């Protein structure tokens, strides 16, 4: 029985960790934080405008949503990281809010 347990233990330690199990590196956290701050800065004029934006804001909204995709890609590589998951959720909400501010007939409003 002891040899079987040793073999099982050896196999368990030989299994490589997947990317989603590895902790996020400091540079990935810094990148996610910087992209989150950039997206927030891009959203600010949309939310502060006294009149609704027009379809000319599609490029801006596209940038906000692209930053969201990047943040969520980082979070997806580190599934157990609550900070990155929260940034992903927040960025997805920011993208959705930005799209919803556009007129319904804007072609970029469709995901």
C-alpha atoms as a PDB file:
ATOM      1  CA  UNK A   1       0.000   0.000   0.000  1.00  0.00           C
ATOM      2  CA  UNK A   2       2.859   2.399   0.772  1.00  0.00           C
ATOM      3  CA  UNK A   3       4.276   2.170  -2.787  1.00  0.00           C
ATOM      4  CA  UNK A   4       0.836   2.994  -4.199  1.00  0.00           C
ATOM      5  CA  UNK A   5       0.564   6.063  -1.970  1.00  0.00           C
ATOM      6  CA  UNK A   6       4.046   7.191  -2.975  1.00  0.00           C
ATOM      7  CA  UNK A   7       3.195   6.782  -6.647  1.00  0.00           C
ATOM      8  CA  UNK A   8      -0.031   8.726  -6.222  1.00  0.00           C
ATOM      9  CA  UNK A   9       1.803  11.508  -4.398  1.00  0.00           C
ATOM     10  CA  UNK A  10       4.455  11.668  -7.120  1.00  0.00           C
ATOM     11  CA  UNK A  11       1.789  11.956  -9.819  1.00  0.00           C
ATOM     12  CA  UNK A  12      -0.045  14.674  -7.928  1.00  0.00           C
ATOM     13  CA  UNK A  13       3.044  16.851  -7.706  1.00  0.00           C
ATOM     14  CA  UNK A  14       3.991  16.221 -11.330  1.00  0.00           C
ATOM     15  CA  UNK A  15       0.796  17.814 -12.667  1.00  0.00           C
ATOM     16  CA  UNK A  16       1.656  21.334 -13.853  1.00  0.00           C
ATOM     17  CA  UNK A  17      -0.423  24.231 -12.622  1.00  0.00           C
ATOM     18  CA  UNK A  18      -2.669  25.860 -15.178  1.00  0.00           C
ATOM     19  CA  UNK A  19      -2.506  29.583 -15.764  1.00  0.00           C
ATOM     20  CA  UNK A  20      -5.778  30.076 -13.878  1.00  0.00           C
ATOM     21  CA  UNK A  21      -4.172  28.654 -10.724  1.00  0.00           C
ATOM     22  CA  UNK A  22      -1.068  30.808 -10.804  1.00  0.00           C
ATOM     23  CA  UNK A  23      -1.169  34.031  -8.824  1.00  0.00           C
ATOM     24  CA  UNK A  24      -1.254  37.224 -10.830  1.00  0.00           C
ATOM     25  CA  UNK A  25       2.099  38.908 -11.226  1.00  0.00           C
ATOM     26  CA  UNK A  26       2.571  42.485 -10.099  1.00  0.00           C
ATOM     27  CA  UNK A  27       2.937  43.667 -13.702  1.00  0.00           C
ATOM     28  CA  UNK A  28      -0.403  42.061 -14.637  1.00  0.00           C
ATOM     29  CA  UNK A  29      -2.105  43.698 -11.662  1.00  0.00           C
ATOM     30  CA  UNK A  30      -0.553  47.047 -12.575  1.00  0.00           C
ATOM     31  CA  UNK A  31      -1.660  46.657 -16.197  1.00  0.00           C
ATOM     32  CA  UNK A  32      -5.235  45.790 -15.184  1.00  0.00           C
ATOM     33  CA  UNK A  33      -5.313  48.745 -12.781  1.00  0.00           C
ATOM     34  CA  UNK A  34      -3.928  51.145 -15.432  1.00  0.00           C
ATOM     35  CA  UNK A  35      -6.415  49.936 -18.057  1.00  0.00           C
ATOM     36  CA  UNK A  36      -9.241  50.264 -15.538  1.00  0.00           C
ATOM     37  CA  UNK A  37      -8.200  53.834 -14.730  1.00  0.00           C
ATOM     38  CA  UNK A  38      -7.927  54.671 -18.442  1.00  0.00           C
ATOM     39  CA  UNK A  39     -11.415  53.268 -19.117  1.00  0.00           C
ATOM     40  CA  UNK A  40     -12.823  55.292 -16.209  1.00  0.00           C
ATOM     41  CA  UNK A  41     -11.216  58.434 -17.597  1.00  0.00           C
ATOM     42  CA  UNK A  42     -12.637  57.720 -21.062  1.00  0.00           C
ATOM     43  CA  UNK A  43     -16.113  57.136 -19.620  1.00  0.00           C
ATOM     44  CA  UNK A  44     -16.121  60.350 -17.607  1.00  0.00           C
ATOM     45  CA  UNK A  45     -17.006  62.709 -20.493  1.00  0.00           C
ATOM     46  CA  UNK A  46     -19.856  60.407 -21.515  1.00  0.00           C
ATOM     47  CA  UNK A  47     -21.354  60.369 -18.029  1.00  0.00           C
ATOM     48  CA  UNK A  48     -20.767  64.092 -17.378  1.00  0.00           C
ATOM     49  CA  UNK A  49     -22.268  65.342 -20.649  1.00  0.00           C
ATOM     50  CA  UNK A  50     -25.378  67.460 -20.245  1.00  0.00           C
ATOM     51  CA  UNK A  51     -26.790  66.005 -23.459  1.00  0.00           C
ATOM     52  CA  UNK A  52     -26.704  62.373 -24.582  1.00  0.00           C
ATOM     53  CA  UNK A  53     -23.766  61.502 -26.822  1.00  0.00           C
ATOM     54  CA  UNK A  54     -24.318  60.928 -30.521  1.00  0.00           C
ATOM     55  CA  UNK A  55     -23.027  58.117 -32.712  1.00  0.00           C
ATOM     56  CA  UNK A  56     -19.770  60.045 -33.062  1.00  0.00           C
ATOM     57  CA  UNK A  57     -18.890  58.637 -29.636  1.00  0.00           C
ATOM     58  CA  UNK A  58     -18.765  55.082 -31.004  1.00  0.00           C
ATOM     59  CA  UNK A  59     -14.967  55.096 -31.176  1.00  0.00           C
ATOM     60  CA  UNK A  60     -14.723  56.207 -27.547  1.00  0.00           C
ATOM     61  CA  UNK A  61     -17.156  53.507 -26.436  1.00  0.00           C
ATOM     62  CA  UNK A  62     -15.203  50.977 -28.484  1.00  0.00           C
ATOM     63  CA  UNK A  63     -12.024  51.933 -26.623  1.00  0.00           C
ATOM     64  CA  UNK A  64     -13.776  51.568 -23.265  1.00  0.00           C
ATOM     65  CA  UNK A  65     -15.077  48.117 -24.219  1.00  0.00           C
ATOM     66  CA  UNK A  66     -11.696  47.014 -25.594  1.00  0.00           C
ATOM     67  CA  UNK A  67     -10.079  47.938 -22.289  1.00  0.00           C
ATOM     68  CA  UNK A  68     -12.776  45.898 -20.562  1.00  0.00           C
ATOM     69  CA  UNK A  69     -11.935  42.875 -22.719  1.00  0.00           C
ATOM     70  CA  UNK A  70      -8.258  43.225 -21.836  1.00  0.00           C
ATOM     71  CA  UNK A  71      -8.973  43.495 -18.117  1.00  0.00           C
ATOM     72  CA  UNK A  72     -11.223  40.444 -18.244  1.00  0.00           C
ATOM     73  CA  UNK A  73      -8.600  38.484 -20.201  1.00  0.00           C
ATOM     74  CA  UNK A  74      -6.123  39.108 -17.393  1.00  0.00           C
ATOM     75  CA  UNK A  75      -8.740  38.118 -14.810  1.00  0.00           C
ATOM     76  CA  UNK A  76      -9.554  34.995 -16.836  1.00  0.00           C
ATOM     77  CA  UNK A  77      -5.967  33.816 -16.550  1.00  0.00           C
ATOM     78  CA  UNK A  78      -6.209  34.100 -12.748  1.00  0.00           C
ATOM     79  CA  UNK A  79      -9.690  32.856 -11.907  1.00  0.00           C
ATOM     80  CA  UNK A  80      -9.228  32.808  -8.132  1.00  0.00           C
ATOM     81  CA  UNK A  81      -8.070  36.425  -7.896  1.00  0.00           C
ATOM     82  CA  UNK A  82     -10.894  38.465  -6.372  1.00  0.00           C
ATOM     83  CA  UNK A  83      -9.328  41.860  -7.155  1.00  0.00           C
ATOM     84  CA  UNK A  84      -8.978  41.053 -10.848  1.00  0.00           C
ATOM     85  CA  UNK A  85     -12.474  39.526 -10.948  1.00  0.00           C
ATOM     86  CA  UNK A  86     -13.892  42.715  -9.425  1.00  0.00           C
ATOM     87  CA  UNK A  87     -12.032  44.846 -11.987  1.00  0.00           C
ATOM     88  CA  UNK A  88     -13.445  42.676 -14.765  1.00  0.00           C
ATOM     89  CA  UNK A  89     -16.999  43.011 -13.455  1.00  0.00           C
ATOM     90  CA  UNK A  90     -16.610  46.755 -13.036  1.00  0.00           C
ATOM     91  CA  UNK A  91     -15.166  47.179 -16.523  1.00  0.00           C
ATOM     92  CA  UNK A  92     -17.953  45.106 -18.089  1.00  0.00           C
ATOM     93  CA  UNK A  93     -20.499  47.347 -16.353  1.00  0.00           C
ATOM     94  CA  UNK A  94     -18.647  50.440 -17.614  1.00  0.00           C
ATOM     95  CA  UNK A  95     -18.728  49.100 -21.182  1.00  0.00           C
ATOM     96  CA  UNK A  96     -22.437  48.308 -20.909  1.00  0.00           C
ATOM     97  CA  UNK A  97     -23.256  51.755 -19.437  1.00  0.00           C
ATOM     98  CA  UNK A  98     -21.264  53.469 -22.171  1.00  0.00           C
ATOM     99  CA  UNK A  99     -23.057  51.541 -24.918  1.00  0.00           C
ATOM    100  CA  UNK A 100     -26.445  52.247 -23.345  1.00  0.00           C
ATOM    101  CA  UNK A 101     -25.772  56.003 -23.365  1.00  0.00           C
ATOM    102  CA  UNK A 102     -25.570  55.967 -27.160  1.00  0.00           C
ATOM    103  CA  UNK A 103     -28.678  56.436 -29.277  1.00  0.00           C
ATOM    104  CA  UNK A 104     -30.411  53.137 -30.067  1.00  0.00           C
ATOM    105  CA  UNK A 105     -29.806  53.538 -33.797  1.00  0.00           C
ATOM    106  CA  UNK A 106     -25.999  53.698 -33.502  1.00  0.00           C
ATOM    107  CA  UNK A 107     -24.455  50.697 -35.236  1.00  0.00           C
ATOM    108  CA  UNK A 108     -21.784  50.367 -32.534  1.00  0.00           C
ATOM    109  CA  UNK A 109     -24.372  49.933 -29.800  1.00  0.00           C
ATOM    110  CA  UNK A 110     -24.933  46.322 -30.858  1.00  0.00           C
ATOM    111  CA  UNK A 111     -22.434  43.945 -29.234  1.00  0.00           C
END
